[in-house]
């Protein structure tokens, strides 16, 4: 049981490192993480007495 837990911890650490590496290296391989840029205009009603 201890071996399984140790391997799961190792896999979680390797997965986290791989995710961070993909976030940094991904744009060089064509992955675009930026959100679509659109302008939003909404009228605001101010209730000033």
PDB file of N, CA and C in Angstrom:
ATOM      1  N   UNK A   1       0.826  -1.200   0.000  1.00  0.00           N
ATOM      2  CA  UNK A   1       0.000   0.000   0.000  1.00  0.00           C
ATOM      3  C   UNK A   1       0.864   1.256   0.000  1.00  0.00           C
ATOM      4  N   UNK A   2       1.968   1.197   0.707  1.00  0.00           N
ATOM      5  CA  UNK A   2       2.865   2.342   0.766  1.00  0.00           C
ATOM      6  C   UNK A   2       3.512   2.630  -0.581  1.00  0.00           C
ATOM      7  N   UNK A   3       3.825   1.559  -1.331  1.00  0.00           N
ATOM      8  CA  UNK A   3       4.423   1.749  -2.650  1.00  0.00           C
ATOM      9  C   UNK A   3       3.462   2.458  -3.594  1.00  0.00           C
ATOM     10  N   UNK A   4       2.204   2.085  -3.538  1.00  0.00           N
ATOM     11  CA  UNK A   4       1.200   2.701  -4.411  1.00  0.00           C
ATOM     12  C   UNK A   4       1.071   4.184  -4.091  1.00  0.00           C
ATOM     13  N   UNK A   5       1.016   4.523  -2.813  1.00  0.00           N
ATOM     14  CA  UNK A   5       0.889   5.926  -2.422  1.00  0.00           C
ATOM     15  C   UNK A   5       2.122   6.724  -2.859  1.00  0.00           C
ATOM     16  N   UNK A   6       3.310   6.107  -2.718  1.00  0.00           N
ATOM     17  CA  UNK A   6       4.536   6.781  -3.118  1.00  0.00           C
ATOM     18  C   UNK A   6       4.530   7.034  -4.628  1.00  0.00           C
ATOM     19  N   UNK A   7       4.112   6.063  -5.409  1.00  0.00           N
ATOM     20  CA  UNK A   7       4.065   6.240  -6.857  1.00  0.00           C
ATOM     21  C   UNK A   7       3.004   7.258  -7.264  1.00  0.00           C
ATOM     22  N   UNK A   8       1.887   7.293  -6.543  1.00  0.00           N
ATOM     23  CA  UNK A   8       0.870   8.302  -6.843  1.00  0.00           C
ATOM     24  C   UNK A   8       1.381   9.714  -6.558  1.00  0.00           C
ATOM     25  N   UNK A   9       2.142   9.867  -5.500  1.00  0.00           N
ATOM     26  CA  UNK A   9       2.736  11.171  -5.193  1.00  0.00           C
ATOM     27  C   UNK A   9       3.736  11.549  -6.274  1.00  0.00           C
ATOM     28  N   UNK A  10       4.564  10.582  -6.697  1.00  0.00           N
ATOM     29  CA  UNK A  10       5.521  10.854  -7.768  1.00  0.00           C
ATOM     30  C   UNK A  10       4.799  11.244  -9.056  1.00  0.00           C
ATOM     31  N   UNK A  11       3.747  10.543  -9.405  1.00  0.00           N
ATOM     32  CA  UNK A  11       2.989  10.856 -10.610  1.00  0.00           C
ATOM     33  C   UNK A  11       2.338  12.236 -10.527  1.00  0.00           C
ATOM     34  N   UNK A  12       1.829  12.592  -9.356  1.00  0.00           N
ATOM     35  CA  UNK A  12       1.218  13.911  -9.183  1.00  0.00           C
ATOM     36  C   UNK A  12       2.268  15.011  -9.349  1.00  0.00           C
ATOM     37  N   UNK A  13       3.455  14.819  -8.815  1.00  0.00           N
ATOM     38  CA  UNK A  13       4.516  15.813  -8.942  1.00  0.00           C
ATOM     39  C   UNK A  13       4.953  15.933 -10.402  1.00  0.00           C
ATOM     40  N   UNK A  14       5.131  14.792 -11.070  1.00  0.00           N
ATOM     41  CA  UNK A  14       5.528  14.813 -12.482  1.00  0.00           C
ATOM     42  C   UNK A  14       4.436  15.472 -13.322  1.00  0.00           C
ATOM     43  N   UNK A  15       3.173  15.195 -13.021  1.00  0.00           N
ATOM     44  CA  UNK A  15       2.069  15.815 -13.745  1.00  0.00           C
ATOM     45  C   UNK A  15       2.029  17.319 -13.550  1.00  0.00           C
ATOM     46  N   UNK A  16       2.274  17.776 -12.333  1.00  0.00           N
ATOM     47  CA  UNK A  16       2.274  19.215 -12.064  1.00  0.00           C
ATOM     48  C   UNK A  16       3.422  19.901 -12.798  1.00  0.00           C
ATOM     49  N   UNK A  17       4.592  19.280 -12.800  1.00  0.00           N
ATOM     50  CA  UNK A  17       5.737  19.840 -13.513  1.00  0.00           C
ATOM     51  C   UNK A  17       5.461  19.861 -15.015  1.00  0.00           C
ATOM     52  N   UNK A  18       4.855  18.804 -15.539  1.00  0.00           N
ATOM     53  CA  UNK A  18       4.535  18.753 -16.966  1.00  0.00           C
ATOM     54  C   UNK A  18       3.505  19.829 -17.335  1.00  0.00           C
ATOM     55  N   UNK A  19       2.525  20.062 -16.483  1.00  0.00           N
ATOM     56  CA  UNK A  19       1.520  21.090 -16.744  1.00  0.00           C
ATOM     57  C   UNK A  19       2.137  22.485 -16.765  1.00  0.00           C
ATOM     58  N   UNK A  20       3.014  22.764 -15.835  1.00  0.00           N
ATOM     59  CA  UNK A  20       3.693  24.067 -15.803  1.00  0.00           C
ATOM     60  C   UNK A  20       4.597  24.207 -17.025  1.00  0.00           C
ATOM     61  N   UNK A  21       5.297  23.144 -17.386  1.00  0.00           N
ATOM     62  CA  UNK A  21       6.165  23.202 -18.565  1.00  0.00           C
ATOM     63  C   UNK A  21       5.338  23.428 -19.823  1.00  0.00           C
ATOM     64  N   UNK A  22       4.191  22.797 -19.934  1.00  0.00           N
ATOM     65  CA  UNK A  22       3.338  22.991 -21.105  1.00  0.00           C
ATOM     66  C   UNK A  22       2.811  24.421 -21.164  1.00  0.00           C
ATOM     67  N   UNK A  23       2.517  25.000 -20.016  1.00  0.00           N
ATOM     68  CA  UNK A  23       2.029  26.378 -19.995  1.00  0.00           C
ATOM     69  C   UNK A  23       3.101  27.349 -20.481  1.00  0.00           C
ATOM     70  N   UNK A  24       4.359  27.069 -20.176  1.00  0.00           N
ATOM     71  CA  UNK A  24       5.430  27.953 -20.618  1.00  0.00           C
ATOM     72  C   UNK A  24       5.885  27.665 -22.045  1.00  0.00           C
ATOM     73  N   UNK A  25       5.914  26.395 -22.454  1.00  0.00           N
ATOM     74  CA  UNK A  25       6.461  26.010 -23.750  1.00  0.00           C
ATOM     75  C   UNK A  25       5.373  25.906 -24.810  1.00  0.00           C
ATOM     76  N   UNK A  26       4.116  25.779 -24.423  1.00  0.00           N
ATOM     77  CA  UNK A  26       3.014  25.583 -25.354  1.00  0.00           C
ATOM     78  C   UNK A  26       2.899  26.627 -26.443  1.00  0.00           C
ATOM     79  N   UNK A  27       3.035  27.924 -26.143  1.00  0.00           N
ATOM     80  CA  UNK A  27       2.923  28.926 -27.210  1.00  0.00           C
ATOM     81  C   UNK A  27       3.975  28.780 -28.315  1.00  0.00           C
ATOM     82  N   UNK A  28       5.118  28.202 -28.030  1.00  0.00           N
ATOM     83  CA  UNK A  28       6.132  27.980 -29.061  1.00  0.00           C
ATOM     84  C   UNK A  28       5.699  26.903 -30.051  1.00  0.00           C
ATOM     85  N   UNK A  29       4.776  26.028 -29.628  1.00  0.00           N
ATOM     86  CA  UNK A  29       4.310  24.941 -30.491  1.00  0.00           C
ATOM     87  C   UNK A  29       2.910  25.187 -31.038  1.00  0.00           C
ATOM     88  N   UNK A  30       2.401  26.408 -30.914  1.00  0.00           N
ATOM     89  CA  UNK A  30       1.125  26.751 -31.524  1.00  0.00           C
ATOM     90  C   UNK A  30      -0.067  26.745 -30.591  1.00  0.00           C
ATOM     91  N   UNK A  31       0.104  26.468 -29.323  1.00  0.00           N
ATOM     92  CA  UNK A  31      -1.014  26.516 -28.385  1.00  0.00           C
ATOM     93  C   UNK A  31      -1.249  27.969 -27.986  1.00  0.00           C
ATOM     94  N   UNK A  32      -2.462  28.457 -28.171  1.00  0.00           N
ATOM     95  CA  UNK A  32      -2.789  29.846 -27.858  1.00  0.00           C
ATOM     96  C   UNK A  32      -3.674  29.875 -26.622  1.00  0.00           C
ATOM     97  N   UNK A  33      -3.152  30.410 -25.535  1.00  0.00           N
ATOM     98  CA  UNK A  33      -3.879  30.424 -24.274  1.00  0.00           C
ATOM     99  C   UNK A  33      -4.574  31.750 -23.999  1.00  0.00           C
ATOM    100  N   UNK A  34      -4.446  32.714 -24.898  1.00  0.00           N
ATOM    101  CA  UNK A  34      -5.028  34.024 -24.638  1.00  0.00           C
ATOM    102  C   UNK A  34      -6.531  34.001 -24.919  1.00  0.00           C
ATOM    103  N   UNK A  35      -7.315  34.720 -24.125  1.00  0.00           N
ATOM    104  CA  UNK A  35      -8.759  34.784 -24.363  1.00  0.00           C
ATOM    105  C   UNK A  35      -9.057  35.659 -25.573  1.00  0.00           C
ATOM    106  N   UNK A  36     -10.199  35.466 -26.211  1.00  0.00           N
ATOM    107  CA  UNK A  36     -10.549  36.326 -27.339  1.00  0.00           C
ATOM    108  C   UNK A  36     -10.772  37.768 -26.852  1.00  0.00           C
ATOM    109  N   UNK A  37     -10.242  38.718 -27.593  1.00  0.00           N
ATOM    110  CA  UNK A  37     -10.326  40.118 -27.203  1.00  0.00           C
ATOM    111  C   UNK A  37     -11.530  40.760 -27.883  1.00  0.00           C
ATOM    112  N   UNK A  38     -12.501  41.154 -27.079  1.00  0.00           N
ATOM    113  CA  UNK A  38     -13.671  41.862 -27.590  1.00  0.00           C
ATOM    114  C   UNK A  38     -13.982  43.019 -26.642  1.00  0.00           C
ATOM    115  N   UNK A  39     -14.442  44.112 -27.220  1.00  0.00           N
ATOM    116  CA  UNK A  39     -14.808  45.281 -26.415  1.00  0.00           C
ATOM    117  C   UNK A  39     -16.264  45.152 -26.004  1.00  0.00           C
ATOM    118  N   UNK A  40     -16.544  45.379 -24.742  1.00  0.00           N
ATOM    119  CA  UNK A  40     -17.905  45.282 -24.212  1.00  0.00           C
ATOM    120  C   UNK A  40     -18.304  46.650 -23.679  1.00  0.00           C
ATOM    121  N   UNK A  41     -19.421  47.151 -24.164  1.00  0.00           N
ATOM    122  CA  UNK A  41     -19.942  48.436 -23.683  1.00  0.00           C
ATOM    123  C   UNK A  41     -21.349  48.201 -23.149  1.00  0.00           C
ATOM    124  N   UNK A  42     -21.569  48.596 -21.905  1.00  0.00           N
ATOM    125  CA  UNK A  42     -22.882  48.473 -21.277  1.00  0.00           C
ATOM    126  C   UNK A  42     -23.236  49.798 -20.631  1.00  0.00           C
ATOM    127  N   UNK A  43     -24.443  50.255 -20.847  1.00  0.00           N
ATOM    128  CA  UNK A  43     -24.854  51.512 -20.200  1.00  0.00           C
ATOM    129  C   UNK A  43     -25.035  51.305 -18.698  1.00  0.00           C
ATOM    130  N   UNK A  44     -24.664  52.326 -17.952  1.00  0.00           N
ATOM    131  CA  UNK A  44     -24.789  52.290 -16.505  1.00  0.00           C
ATOM    132  C   UNK A  44     -25.722  53.395 -16.064  1.00  0.00           C
ATOM    133  N   UNK A  45     -26.747  53.036 -15.328  1.00  0.00           N
ATOM    134  CA  UNK A  45     -27.682  54.039 -14.815  1.00  0.00           C
ATOM    135  C   UNK A  45     -27.258  54.380 -13.399  1.00  0.00           C
ATOM    136  N   UNK A  46     -26.875  55.652 -13.192  1.00  0.00           N
ATOM    137  CA  UNK A  46     -26.470  56.102 -11.866  1.00  0.00           C
ATOM    138  C   UNK A  46     -27.658  56.764 -11.188  1.00  0.00           C
ATOM    139  N   UNK A  47     -27.990  56.324 -10.005  1.00  0.00           N
ATOM    140  CA  UNK A  47     -29.110  56.873  -9.260  1.00  0.00           C
ATOM    141  C   UNK A  47     -28.559  57.856  -8.220  1.00  0.00           C
ATOM    142  N   UNK A  48     -28.288  59.080  -8.660  1.00  0.00           N
ATOM    143  CA  UNK A  48     -27.723  60.102  -7.765  1.00  0.00           C
ATOM    144  C   UNK A  48     -28.835  61.084  -7.380  1.00  0.00           C
ATOM    145  N   UNK A  49     -29.061  61.207  -6.091  1.00  0.00           N
ATOM    146  CA  UNK A  49     -30.069  62.139  -5.597  1.00  0.00           C
ATOM    147  C   UNK A  49     -29.443  63.373  -5.039  1.00  0.00           C
TER     148      UNK A  49
END
